[in-house]
């Protein structure tokens, strides 16, 4: 995995904040959307590792 350099003090500053009263995320994202994101990230890593195009399926 590639190493990423960042400041620990602001590493979570861009994540959606929770509303403390009802505990719902400001930006609602369900598991299906999260899974799509992970598939894209996995494909990026695979393409970098192999140097080949990785096709995504719906």
N, C-alpha and C. Protein backbone atom coordinates (compact mmCIF):
# COMPACT_ATOMS: atom_id res chain seq x y z
N UNK A 1 0.85 -1.18 0.00
CA UNK A 1 0.00 0.00 0.00
C UNK A 1 0.89 1.24 0.00
N UNK A 2 0.45 2.27 -0.71
CA UNK A 2 1.23 3.50 -0.71
C UNK A 2 1.13 4.19 0.63
N UNK A 3 2.21 4.87 0.99
CA UNK A 3 2.17 5.60 2.26
C UNK A 3 1.66 7.01 1.99
N UNK A 4 0.84 7.49 2.88
CA UNK A 4 0.28 8.83 2.76
C UNK A 4 0.76 9.67 3.92
N UNK A 5 1.21 10.86 3.62
CA UNK A 5 1.67 11.77 4.68
C UNK A 5 0.57 12.78 4.95
N UNK A 6 0.21 12.90 6.21
CA UNK A 6 -0.79 13.88 6.59
C UNK A 6 -0.59 14.26 8.03
N UNK A 7 -1.23 15.31 8.41
CA UNK A 7 -1.17 15.78 9.78
C UNK A 7 -2.24 15.08 10.60
N UNK A 8 -1.84 14.48 11.69
CA UNK A 8 -2.81 13.78 12.55
C UNK A 8 -3.80 14.74 13.18
N UNK A 9 -3.41 15.98 13.34
CA UNK A 9 -4.31 16.93 14.00
C UNK A 9 -5.54 17.28 13.17
N UNK A 10 -5.46 17.14 11.84
CA UNK A 10 -6.62 17.48 11.03
C UNK A 10 -7.07 16.34 10.14
N UNK A 11 -6.69 15.11 10.45
CA UNK A 11 -7.00 13.99 9.57
C UNK A 11 -8.49 13.69 9.49
N UNK A 12 -9.26 14.04 10.49
CA UNK A 12 -10.70 13.77 10.46
C UNK A 12 -11.52 15.04 10.26
N UNK A 13 -10.87 16.14 9.97
CA UNK A 13 -11.60 17.41 9.88
C UNK A 13 -12.56 17.47 8.70
N UNK A 14 -12.35 16.67 7.66
CA UNK A 14 -13.24 16.73 6.51
C UNK A 14 -14.37 15.71 6.57
N UNK A 15 -14.40 14.85 7.57
CA UNK A 15 -15.46 13.86 7.67
C UNK A 15 -16.76 14.51 8.12
N UNK A 16 -17.91 13.98 7.66
CA UNK A 16 -19.19 14.56 8.08
C UNK A 16 -19.33 14.53 9.60
N UNK A 17 -19.88 15.58 10.12
CA UNK A 17 -20.11 15.68 11.57
C UNK A 17 -21.46 15.07 11.93
N UNK A 18 -21.58 14.58 13.15
CA UNK A 18 -22.85 14.05 13.62
C UNK A 18 -23.62 15.15 14.33
N UNK A 19 -24.92 15.15 14.13
CA UNK A 19 -25.78 16.02 14.89
C UNK A 19 -25.92 15.37 16.26
N UNK A 20 -25.48 16.02 17.30
CA UNK A 20 -25.44 15.39 18.63
C UNK A 20 -26.81 15.11 19.20
N UNK A 21 -27.86 15.75 18.73
CA UNK A 21 -29.18 15.51 19.29
C UNK A 21 -29.82 14.23 18.79
N UNK A 22 -29.73 13.93 17.48
CA UNK A 22 -30.39 12.72 16.99
C UNK A 22 -29.40 11.71 16.39
N UNK A 23 -28.12 11.99 16.44
CA UNK A 23 -27.05 11.08 16.03
C UNK A 23 -27.11 10.63 14.57
N UNK A 24 -27.73 11.42 13.69
CA UNK A 24 -27.77 11.09 12.27
C UNK A 24 -26.66 11.84 11.55
N UNK A 25 -26.01 11.22 10.57
CA UNK A 25 -24.96 11.93 9.84
C UNK A 25 -25.53 13.09 9.03
N UNK A 26 -24.74 14.12 8.89
CA UNK A 26 -25.15 15.28 8.11
C UNK A 26 -25.28 14.88 6.64
N UNK A 27 -24.38 14.02 6.17
CA UNK A 27 -24.43 13.52 4.79
C UNK A 27 -24.78 12.05 4.86
N UNK A 28 -26.06 11.69 4.62
CA UNK A 28 -26.45 10.29 4.74
C UNK A 28 -25.86 9.43 3.60
N UNK A 29 -25.19 8.36 3.97
CA UNK A 29 -24.62 7.42 3.00
C UNK A 29 -24.98 6.02 3.49
N UNK A 30 -25.59 5.24 2.60
CA UNK A 30 -25.96 3.89 3.01
C UNK A 30 -24.86 2.89 2.67
N UNK A 31 -25.03 1.67 3.05
CA UNK A 31 -24.03 0.63 2.82
C UNK A 31 -23.77 0.35 1.36
N UNK A 32 -24.78 0.50 0.51
CA UNK A 32 -24.61 0.25 -0.93
C UNK A 32 -23.64 1.27 -1.51
N UNK A 33 -23.79 2.52 -1.16
CA UNK A 33 -22.88 3.56 -1.65
C UNK A 33 -21.46 3.33 -1.13
N UNK A 34 -21.35 2.93 0.12
CA UNK A 34 -20.03 2.64 0.68
C UNK A 34 -19.35 1.48 -0.03
N UNK A 35 -20.12 0.45 -0.36
CA UNK A 35 -19.57 -0.70 -1.08
C UNK A 35 -19.08 -0.30 -2.47
N UNK A 36 -19.84 0.56 -3.15
CA UNK A 36 -19.41 1.05 -4.47
C UNK A 36 -18.06 1.77 -4.35
N UNK A 37 -17.94 2.60 -3.34
CA UNK A 37 -16.68 3.33 -3.13
C UNK A 37 -15.51 2.37 -2.90
N UNK A 38 -15.73 1.34 -2.09
CA UNK A 38 -14.67 0.38 -1.81
C UNK A 38 -14.25 -0.39 -3.05
N UNK A 39 -15.22 -0.73 -3.91
CA UNK A 39 -14.90 -1.42 -5.16
C UNK A 39 -14.04 -0.55 -6.07
N UNK A 40 -14.34 0.74 -6.11
CA UNK A 40 -13.54 1.67 -6.91
C UNK A 40 -12.13 1.77 -6.35
N UNK A 41 -12.01 1.89 -5.04
CA UNK A 41 -10.69 2.00 -4.41
C UNK A 41 -9.89 0.72 -4.65
N UNK A 42 -10.51 -0.44 -4.51
CA UNK A 42 -9.82 -1.71 -4.78
C UNK A 42 -9.34 -1.78 -6.22
N UNK A 43 -10.16 -1.31 -7.16
CA UNK A 43 -9.78 -1.32 -8.57
C UNK A 43 -8.60 -0.39 -8.83
N UNK A 44 -8.57 0.74 -8.16
CA UNK A 44 -7.44 1.67 -8.30
C UNK A 44 -6.15 1.01 -7.83
N UNK A 45 -6.18 0.38 -6.66
CA UNK A 45 -4.99 -0.30 -6.14
C UNK A 45 -4.54 -1.41 -7.07
N UNK A 46 -5.49 -2.18 -7.59
CA UNK A 46 -5.16 -3.28 -8.50
C UNK A 46 -4.53 -2.75 -9.79
N UNK A 47 -5.07 -1.67 -10.33
CA UNK A 47 -4.52 -1.07 -11.55
C UNK A 47 -3.10 -0.56 -11.32
N UNK A 48 -2.87 0.06 -10.19
CA UNK A 48 -1.53 0.56 -9.89
C UNK A 48 -0.56 -0.60 -9.72
N UNK A 49 -1.01 -1.65 -9.04
CA UNK A 49 -0.14 -2.81 -8.79
C UNK A 49 0.21 -3.54 -10.08
N UNK A 50 -0.75 -3.72 -10.97
CA UNK A 50 -0.53 -4.51 -12.18
C UNK A 50 -0.16 -3.67 -13.39
N UNK A 51 -0.44 -2.38 -13.34
CA UNK A 51 -0.19 -1.52 -14.49
C UNK A 51 -1.20 -1.72 -15.60
N UNK A 52 -2.30 -2.40 -15.28
CA UNK A 52 -3.32 -2.68 -16.29
C UNK A 52 -4.65 -2.05 -15.89
N UNK A 53 -5.49 -1.84 -16.90
CA UNK A 53 -6.82 -1.30 -16.68
C UNK A 53 -7.69 -2.33 -15.97
N UNK A 54 -8.44 -1.90 -14.99
CA UNK A 54 -9.36 -2.77 -14.26
C UNK A 54 -10.77 -2.31 -14.58
N UNK A 55 -11.57 -3.21 -15.09
CA UNK A 55 -12.95 -2.87 -15.43
C UNK A 55 -13.86 -3.12 -14.24
N UNK A 56 -14.75 -2.19 -14.02
CA UNK A 56 -15.73 -2.30 -12.94
C UNK A 56 -17.07 -2.74 -13.53
N UNK A 57 -17.78 -3.58 -12.79
CA UNK A 57 -19.11 -3.99 -13.21
C UNK A 57 -20.13 -3.38 -12.27
N UNK A 58 -21.31 -3.20 -12.77
CA UNK A 58 -22.38 -2.58 -11.97
C UNK A 58 -22.86 -3.46 -10.87
